[in-house]
Amino acid sequence: MWLNSSNYKDYLKGITVVEVSGESCANCISLMNVLDRLLSKRDDVKLYHIEAAENTMDLIEKFEVQAVPTVLVLYDDIVKAKCRGYQPEEILEIWLDSKIDDIKKEYKLV
């Protein structure tokens, strides 16, 4: 699901992972596939994408994204963790699991 300025509040509920990518960014495309694979195994987290473009600049600024690709882990629409650049799948999986577990503990979701 692709988020934009008009629909993001409808989808960023609970724990979500948002991948911010650029149109011609090869690392973004690779990372998107890795995230799809990792998060398809989970039923407790939703994955969304934001394309860095003119119509999403307010979201990019809201989430303080400085570069693409960037992975955000959110609770509702509050950024709880941020990772910039392409990461190997094994490292990204460990990082995501840790951040998701932290959110679950903080909001007593376990």
C-alpha atoms as a PDB file:
ATOM      1  CA  MET A   1       0.000   0.000   0.000  1.00  0.00           C
ATOM      2  CA  TRP A   2       1.336   3.404  -0.980  1.00  0.00           C
ATOM      3  CA  LEU A   3       0.729   6.257   1.427  1.00  0.00           C
ATOM      4  CA  ASN A   4       0.289   9.906   0.577  1.00  0.00           C
ATOM      5  CA  SER A   5      -0.634  13.091   2.397  1.00  0.00           C
ATOM      6  CA  SER A   6      -4.354  12.474   2.135  1.00  0.00           C
ATOM      7  CA  ASN A   7      -4.553   8.794   3.174  1.00  0.00           C
ATOM      8  CA  TYR A   8      -1.769   8.143   5.695  1.00  0.00           C
ATOM      9  CA  LYS A   9      -3.890   8.804   8.812  1.00  0.00           C
ATOM     10  CA  ASP A  10      -6.308   6.063   7.707  1.00  0.00           C
ATOM     11  CA  TYR A  11      -3.553   3.423   7.659  1.00  0.00           C
ATOM     12  CA  LEU A  12      -0.985   4.308  10.333  1.00  0.00           C
ATOM     13  CA  LYS A  13      -2.749   2.620  13.227  1.00  0.00           C
ATOM     14  CA  GLY A  14      -1.018   0.260  15.621  1.00  0.00           C
ATOM     15  CA  ILE A  15       2.469  -0.959  14.753  1.00  0.00           C
ATOM     16  CA  THR A  16       3.468  -0.201  11.187  1.00  0.00           C
ATOM     17  CA  VAL A  17       6.626  -0.236   9.117  1.00  0.00           C
ATOM     18  CA  VAL A  18       6.953   2.404   6.418  1.00  0.00           C
ATOM     19  CA  GLU A  19       9.560   2.228   3.690  1.00  0.00           C
ATOM     20  CA  VAL A  20      10.356   5.612   2.134  1.00  0.00           C
ATOM     21  CA  SER A  21      11.782   5.256  -1.341  1.00  0.00           C
ATOM     22  CA  GLY A  22      12.767   7.244  -4.385  1.00  0.00           C
ATOM     23  CA  GLU A  23      11.562   6.600  -7.902  1.00  0.00           C
ATOM     24  CA  SER A  24      14.921   5.706  -9.458  1.00  0.00           C
ATOM     25  CA  CYS A  25      16.612   4.305  -6.340  1.00  0.00           C
ATOM     26  CA  ALA A  26      17.916   0.760  -6.929  1.00  0.00           C
ATOM     27  CA  ASN A  27      18.544   0.186  -3.210  1.00  0.00           C
ATOM     28  CA  CYS A  28      14.959   1.251  -2.495  1.00  0.00           C
ATOM     29  CA  ILE A  29      13.572  -1.389  -4.855  1.00  0.00           C
ATOM     30  CA  SER A  30      15.800  -4.075  -3.326  1.00  0.00           C
ATOM     31  CA  LEU A  31      14.882  -3.019   0.204  1.00  0.00           C
ATOM     32  CA  MET A  32      11.174  -3.032  -0.630  1.00  0.00           C
ATOM     33  CA  ASN A  33      11.435  -6.684  -1.687  1.00  0.00           C
ATOM     34  CA  VAL A  34      13.320  -7.600   1.500  1.00  0.00           C
ATOM     35  CA  LEU A  35      10.744  -5.848   3.701  1.00  0.00           C
ATOM     36  CA  ASP A  36       7.870  -7.512   1.850  1.00  0.00           C
ATOM     37  CA  ARG A  37       9.475 -10.906   2.467  1.00  0.00           C
ATOM     38  CA  LEU A  38      10.303 -10.262   6.142  1.00  0.00           C
ATOM     39  CA  LEU A  39       6.974  -8.727   7.115  1.00  0.00           C
ATOM     40  CA  SER A  40       4.814 -11.187   5.172  1.00  0.00           C
ATOM     41  CA  LYS A  41       5.718 -13.667   7.948  1.00  0.00           C
ATOM     42  CA  ARG A  42       4.170 -11.410  10.599  1.00  0.00           C
ATOM     43  CA  ASP A  43       0.507 -10.740  11.338  1.00  0.00           C
ATOM     44  CA  ASP A  44       1.193  -8.092  14.000  1.00  0.00           C
ATOM     45  CA  VAL A  45       2.676  -5.416  11.720  1.00  0.00           C
ATOM     46  CA  LYS A  46       1.506  -3.722   8.523  1.00  0.00           C
ATOM     47  CA  LEU A  47       3.922  -2.576   5.800  1.00  0.00           C
ATOM     48  CA  TYR A  48       3.381   0.624   3.829  1.00  0.00           C
ATOM     49  CA  HIS A  49       5.413   2.617   1.327  1.00  0.00           C
ATOM     50  CA  ILE A  50       5.903   6.318   0.684  1.00  0.00           C
ATOM     51  CA  GLU A  51       7.366   7.459  -2.620  1.00  0.00           C
ATOM     52  CA  ALA A  52       9.447  10.605  -2.131  1.00  0.00           C
ATOM     53  CA  ALA A  53       7.697  12.970  -4.530  1.00  0.00           C
ATOM     54  CA  GLU A  54       6.187  16.418  -4.639  1.00  0.00           C
ATOM     55  CA  ASN A  55       2.810  15.204  -3.325  1.00  0.00           C
ATOM     56  CA  THR A  56       4.401  13.482  -0.304  1.00  0.00           C
ATOM     57  CA  MET A  57       6.912  16.133   0.793  1.00  0.00           C
ATOM     58  CA  ASP A  58       4.844  17.064   3.849  1.00  0.00           C
ATOM     59  CA  LEU A  59       5.026  13.413   5.011  1.00  0.00           C
ATOM     60  CA  ILE A  60       8.752  13.283   4.329  1.00  0.00           C
ATOM     61  CA  GLU A  61       9.177  16.403   6.468  1.00  0.00           C
ATOM     62  CA  LYS A  62       6.780  15.164   9.178  1.00  0.00           C
ATOM     63  CA  PHE A  63       8.779  11.954   9.586  1.00  0.00           C
ATOM     64  CA  GLU A  64      12.116  13.824   9.225  1.00  0.00           C
ATOM     65  CA  VAL A  65      13.370  11.623   6.391  1.00  0.00           C
ATOM     66  CA  GLN A  66      16.741  12.859   5.133  1.00  0.00           C
ATOM     67  CA  ALA A  67      17.605  10.181   2.556  1.00  0.00           C
ATOM     68  CA  VAL A  68      16.142   7.222   0.708  1.00  0.00           C
ATOM     69  CA  PRO A  69      15.741   4.440   1.412  1.00  0.00           C
ATOM     70  CA  THR A  70      14.588   4.960   4.985  1.00  0.00           C
ATOM     71  CA  VAL A  71      12.665   2.459   7.096  1.00  0.00           C
ATOM     72  CA  LEU A  72      10.390   3.830   9.811  1.00  0.00           C
ATOM     73  CA  VAL A  73       8.839   1.801  12.607  1.00  0.00           C
ATOM     74  CA  LEU A  74       5.784   3.597  13.968  1.00  0.00           C
ATOM     75  CA  TYR A  75       3.122   3.239  16.586  1.00  0.00           C
ATOM     76  CA  ASP A  76       0.059   5.005  15.234  1.00  0.00           C
ATOM     77  CA  ASP A  77       1.747   7.876  13.397  1.00  0.00           C
ATOM     78  CA  ILE A  78       4.591   8.346  15.901  1.00  0.00           C
ATOM     79  CA  VAL A  79       8.061   7.355  14.685  1.00  0.00           C
ATOM     80  CA  LYS A  80       9.616   5.013  17.235  1.00  0.00           C
ATOM     81  CA  ALA A  81      12.661   3.926  15.177  1.00  0.00           C
ATOM     82  CA  LYS A  82      14.378   4.899  11.946  1.00  0.00           C
ATOM     83  CA  CYS A  83      16.960   3.161   9.769  1.00  0.00           C
ATOM     84  CA  ARG A  84      18.575   4.848   6.760  1.00  0.00           C
ATOM     85  CA  GLY A  85      20.106   3.116   3.770  1.00  0.00           C
ATOM     86  CA  TYR A  86      20.030  -0.442   2.539  1.00  0.00           C
ATOM     87  CA  GLN A  87      20.675  -3.090   5.194  1.00  0.00           C
ATOM     88  CA  PRO A  88      21.394  -6.815   4.710  1.00  0.00           C
ATOM     89  CA  GLU A  89      18.293  -8.927   5.276  1.00  0.00           C
ATOM     90  CA  GLU A  90      19.619 -10.675   8.392  1.00  0.00           C
ATOM     91  CA  ILE A  91      20.566  -7.397  10.085  1.00  0.00           C
ATOM     92  CA  LEU A  92      17.291  -5.738   9.108  1.00  0.00           C
ATOM     93  CA  GLU A  93      15.285  -8.664  10.488  1.00  0.00           C
ATOM     94  CA  ILE A  94      17.072  -8.491  13.859  1.00  0.00           C
ATOM     95  CA  TRP A  95      16.625  -4.702  13.992  1.00  0.00           C
ATOM     96  CA  LEU A  96      12.914  -4.875  13.095  1.00  0.00           C
ATOM     97  CA  ASP A  97      12.205  -7.647  15.606  1.00  0.00           C
ATOM     98  CA  SER A  98      13.916  -5.644  18.344  1.00  0.00           C
ATOM     99  CA  LYS A  99      12.088  -2.391  17.576  1.00  0.00           C
ATOM    100  CA  ILE A 100       8.693  -4.105  17.263  1.00  0.00           C
ATOM    101  CA  ASP A 101       9.267  -5.895  20.572  1.00  0.00           C
ATOM    102  CA  ASP A 102      10.224  -2.563  22.202  1.00  0.00           C
ATOM    103  CA  ILE A 103       6.945  -0.996  21.037  1.00  0.00           C
ATOM    104  CA  LYS A 104       4.930  -3.963  22.278  1.00  0.00           C
ATOM    105  CA  LYS A 105       6.535  -3.659  25.708  1.00  0.00           C
ATOM    106  CA  GLU A 106       6.152   0.121  25.849  1.00  0.00           C
ATOM    107  CA  TYR A 107       2.447   0.013  24.962  1.00  0.00           C
ATOM    108  CA  LYS A 108       1.796  -3.236  26.855  1.00  0.00           C
ATOM    109  CA  LEU A 109       0.715  -5.100  23.716  1.00  0.00           C
ATOM    110  CA  VAL A 110       2.190  -8.421  24.883  1.00  0.00           C
END
